[in-house]
Amino acid sequence: MLLALILLVLLPVSAWAQAPRMPEPEQSRPWAVYFAPDAGAQAVVEAIGRARKSVRVQTVALTSPPIAEALVEAHQRGVSVEVIVNGKVPKGRVAAAPSLARAGIAVLSDRAHAPVGGMAVIDRQVVLTGAFSFAAGPDNASAENLLVISDAGLAARYTENWQAHAAHSVRPSGH
């Protein structure tokens, strides 16, 4: 009798714990979350690709070629693109800031503050945030996360913070 009771309790719990997780469509909610090593960088590229008016980025160092290319393409489409970087480029990686500046994108250096990860605000509506570094190879090299949130109020707060950092940032020499 005791064995039957234990099986009745543990069997459903065991099946529940092993049930496959069914993904929900990302469009059904105002946010999406990505975890490396899956598709964080690709989600950033796609979000930038949907930009129509503005993209504001703040990160330690932007070294991801696909993200840099997406920013240049957005700029070429007439989107206002501005980037704040404020850290040293990791060894073995190439900074995208000089190529962004050559493409006509405003690149600033915030020497007063070093962020952890990075963030972006797109069209004053979409926020990209989390422990995502905008660096080359993050999806394969570390356990990063990216949260994409569509909320104008939150985007306004992030934009205010971005503007506060832009106000004391400078154009790096040579850019």
Protein backbone atom coordinates (compact mmCIF):
# COMPACT_ATOMS: atom_id res chain seq x y z
CA MET A 1 0.00 0.00 0.00
CA LEU A 2 2.81 2.42 0.89
CA LEU A 3 4.61 1.59 -2.36
CA ALA A 4 1.46 2.33 -4.35
CA LEU A 5 1.07 5.67 -2.59
CA ILE A 6 4.70 6.61 -3.30
CA LEU A 7 4.30 5.67 -6.97
CA LEU A 8 1.12 7.73 -7.23
CA VAL A 9 2.96 10.77 -5.89
CA LEU A 10 6.32 10.38 -7.65
CA LEU A 11 5.22 9.17 -11.07
CA PRO A 12 3.32 12.34 -12.07
CA VAL A 13 6.09 14.55 -10.63
CA SER A 14 8.71 12.60 -12.58
CA ALA A 15 6.73 12.88 -15.82
CA TRP A 16 6.16 16.60 -15.24
CA ALA A 17 9.87 17.22 -14.61
CA GLN A 18 10.79 15.47 -17.87
CA ALA A 19 8.07 16.95 -20.06
CA PRO A 20 9.46 18.75 -23.09
CA ARG A 21 9.27 22.53 -22.97
CA MET A 22 7.06 23.86 -25.72
CA PRO A 23 8.35 27.17 -27.08
CA GLU A 24 5.86 30.01 -27.20
CA PRO A 25 5.82 32.32 -30.20
CA GLU A 26 7.93 35.39 -29.38
CA GLN A 27 5.30 37.65 -30.98
CA SER A 28 2.73 36.73 -28.32
CA ARG A 29 4.41 38.90 -25.67
CA PRO A 30 6.27 42.22 -25.52
CA TRP A 31 9.59 40.58 -24.68
CA ALA A 32 11.91 37.82 -25.84
CA VAL A 33 14.87 36.28 -24.08
CA TYR A 34 17.91 34.62 -25.67
CA PHE A 35 20.65 32.62 -23.98
CA ALA A 36 24.09 31.88 -25.43
CA PRO A 37 25.24 29.70 -27.04
CA ASP A 38 22.08 30.02 -29.15
CA ALA A 39 21.07 33.12 -31.07
CA GLY A 40 21.79 36.29 -29.05
CA ALA A 41 23.93 38.01 -31.69
CA GLN A 42 21.49 37.05 -34.43
CA ALA A 43 18.61 38.54 -32.40
CA VAL A 44 20.57 41.81 -32.09
CA VAL A 45 21.25 41.88 -35.84
CA GLU A 46 17.57 41.23 -36.61
CA ALA A 47 16.38 43.92 -34.17
CA ILE A 48 18.76 46.47 -35.71
CA GLY A 49 17.55 45.37 -39.15
CA ARG A 50 13.99 46.35 -38.16
CA ALA A 51 15.05 49.84 -36.99
CA ARG A 52 13.37 52.70 -38.86
CA LYS A 53 14.37 55.86 -36.97
CA SER A 54 17.12 55.40 -34.39
CA VAL A 55 19.55 53.00 -32.75
CA ARG A 56 21.47 53.93 -29.58
CA VAL A 57 24.06 51.43 -28.33
CA GLN A 58 26.19 51.44 -25.18
CA THR A 59 28.70 48.68 -24.60
CA VAL A 60 32.19 48.03 -23.30
CA ALA A 61 33.61 47.24 -26.74
CA LEU A 62 31.80 46.45 -29.96
CA THR A 63 33.74 43.76 -31.79
CA SER A 64 31.03 41.63 -33.41
CA PRO A 65 31.32 41.94 -37.21
CA PRO A 66 27.65 40.98 -37.84
CA ILE A 67 26.42 43.58 -35.32
CA ALA A 68 28.75 46.25 -36.73
CA GLU A 69 27.54 45.45 -40.26
CA ALA A 70 23.91 45.72 -39.12
CA LEU A 71 24.63 49.14 -37.61
CA VAL A 72 26.28 50.36 -40.82
CA GLU A 73 23.39 49.02 -42.92
CA ALA A 74 20.89 50.78 -40.63
CA HIS A 75 22.87 54.04 -40.99
CA GLN A 76 22.86 53.61 -44.77
CA ARG A 77 19.04 53.21 -44.68
CA GLY A 78 18.82 56.63 -43.01
CA VAL A 79 18.49 55.40 -39.43
CA SER A 80 20.21 57.64 -36.86
CA VAL A 81 22.86 55.41 -35.26
CA GLU A 82 24.99 56.44 -32.28
CA VAL A 83 27.31 54.22 -30.25
CA ILE A 84 28.99 54.71 -26.88
CA VAL A 85 31.93 52.42 -26.12
CA ASN A 86 33.84 52.53 -22.90
CA GLY A 87 36.28 49.77 -22.48
CA LYS A 88 39.36 48.16 -23.83
CA VAL A 89 39.03 45.76 -26.72
CA PRO A 90 39.73 42.18 -25.58
CA LYS A 91 42.98 40.65 -26.82
CA GLY A 92 42.70 39.04 -30.20
CA ARG A 93 39.61 41.01 -31.22
CA VAL A 94 39.27 44.00 -33.53
CA ALA A 95 37.28 47.03 -32.43
CA ALA A 96 34.43 47.96 -34.75
CA ALA A 97 34.37 51.60 -33.58
CA PRO A 98 36.85 52.88 -36.21
CA SER A 99 34.94 51.26 -39.08
CA LEU A 100 31.64 52.58 -37.69
CA ALA A 101 33.08 56.09 -37.50
CA ARG A 102 34.42 55.83 -41.07
CA ALA A 103 30.89 54.89 -42.17
CA GLY A 104 29.62 58.14 -40.65
CA ILE A 105 28.21 56.72 -37.41
CA ALA A 106 28.70 58.83 -34.28
CA VAL A 107 30.99 56.90 -31.95
CA LEU A 108 31.62 58.22 -28.44
CA SER A 109 33.86 57.04 -25.62
CA ASP A 110 32.61 57.18 -22.02
CA ARG A 111 35.82 57.19 -20.03
CA ALA A 112 33.99 57.78 -16.74
CA HIS A 113 31.94 54.57 -16.62
CA ALA A 114 32.40 51.00 -17.74
CA PRO A 115 29.16 49.08 -18.27
CA VAL A 116 28.77 45.40 -17.65
CA GLY A 117 27.43 43.93 -20.86
CA GLY A 118 25.70 46.27 -23.24
CA MET A 119 22.38 47.75 -24.19
CA ALA A 120 20.60 49.28 -27.14
CA VAL A 121 17.44 51.29 -27.70
CA ILE A 122 15.80 51.01 -31.09
CA ASP A 123 13.23 53.52 -32.38
CA ARG A 124 12.58 54.69 -28.79
CA GLN A 125 10.44 51.56 -28.45
CA VAL A 126 12.63 48.45 -28.16
CA VAL A 127 15.27 47.83 -25.47
CA LEU A 128 18.02 45.23 -25.83
CA THR A 129 19.66 44.57 -22.48
CA GLY A 130 21.07 41.86 -20.25
CA ALA A 131 24.49 40.36 -19.88
CA PHE A 132 25.21 40.57 -23.60
CA SER A 133 28.51 42.10 -24.65
CA PHE A 134 28.13 42.99 -28.37
CA ALA A 135 31.53 41.29 -28.78
CA ALA A 136 32.66 38.81 -31.40
CA GLY A 137 31.81 35.25 -30.59
CA PRO A 138 29.76 35.72 -27.41
CA ASP A 139 27.30 33.04 -28.44
CA ASN A 140 30.07 30.45 -28.48
CA ALA A 141 32.38 31.68 -25.76
CA SER A 142 30.30 32.53 -22.70
CA ALA A 143 26.99 32.13 -20.93
CA GLU A 144 25.40 35.43 -21.93
CA ASN A 145 21.78 36.46 -22.00
CA LEU A 146 19.86 39.01 -24.02
CA LEU A 147 16.45 40.41 -23.15
CA VAL A 148 14.55 42.24 -25.90
CA ILE A 149 11.65 44.30 -24.55
CA SER A 150 9.15 46.30 -26.58
CA ASP A 151 7.94 49.04 -24.23
CA ALA A 152 8.05 52.78 -24.99
CA GLY A 153 8.16 53.77 -21.30
CA LEU A 154 11.10 51.52 -20.55
CA ALA A 155 12.80 52.62 -23.77
CA ALA A 156 12.43 56.25 -22.64
CA ARG A 157 14.23 55.48 -19.37
CA TYR A 158 17.04 53.70 -21.19
CA THR A 159 17.26 56.57 -23.69
CA GLU A 160 17.55 59.10 -20.84
CA ASN A 161 20.37 57.06 -19.32
CA TRP A 162 22.09 56.74 -22.72
CA GLN A 163 21.83 60.52 -23.21
CA ALA A 164 23.31 61.17 -19.75
CA HIS A 165 26.36 59.07 -20.69
CA ALA A 166 26.59 60.66 -24.15
CA ALA A 167 26.67 64.11 -22.52
CA HIS A 168 30.02 63.42 -20.81
CA SER A 169 31.46 61.15 -23.51
CA VAL A 170 34.03 62.23 -26.09
CA ARG A 171 34.88 61.22 -29.64
CA PRO A 172 37.85 58.85 -29.45
CA SER A 173 40.99 60.20 -31.10
CA GLY A 174 41.45 58.91 -34.62
CA HIS A 175 37.73 58.24 -35.19
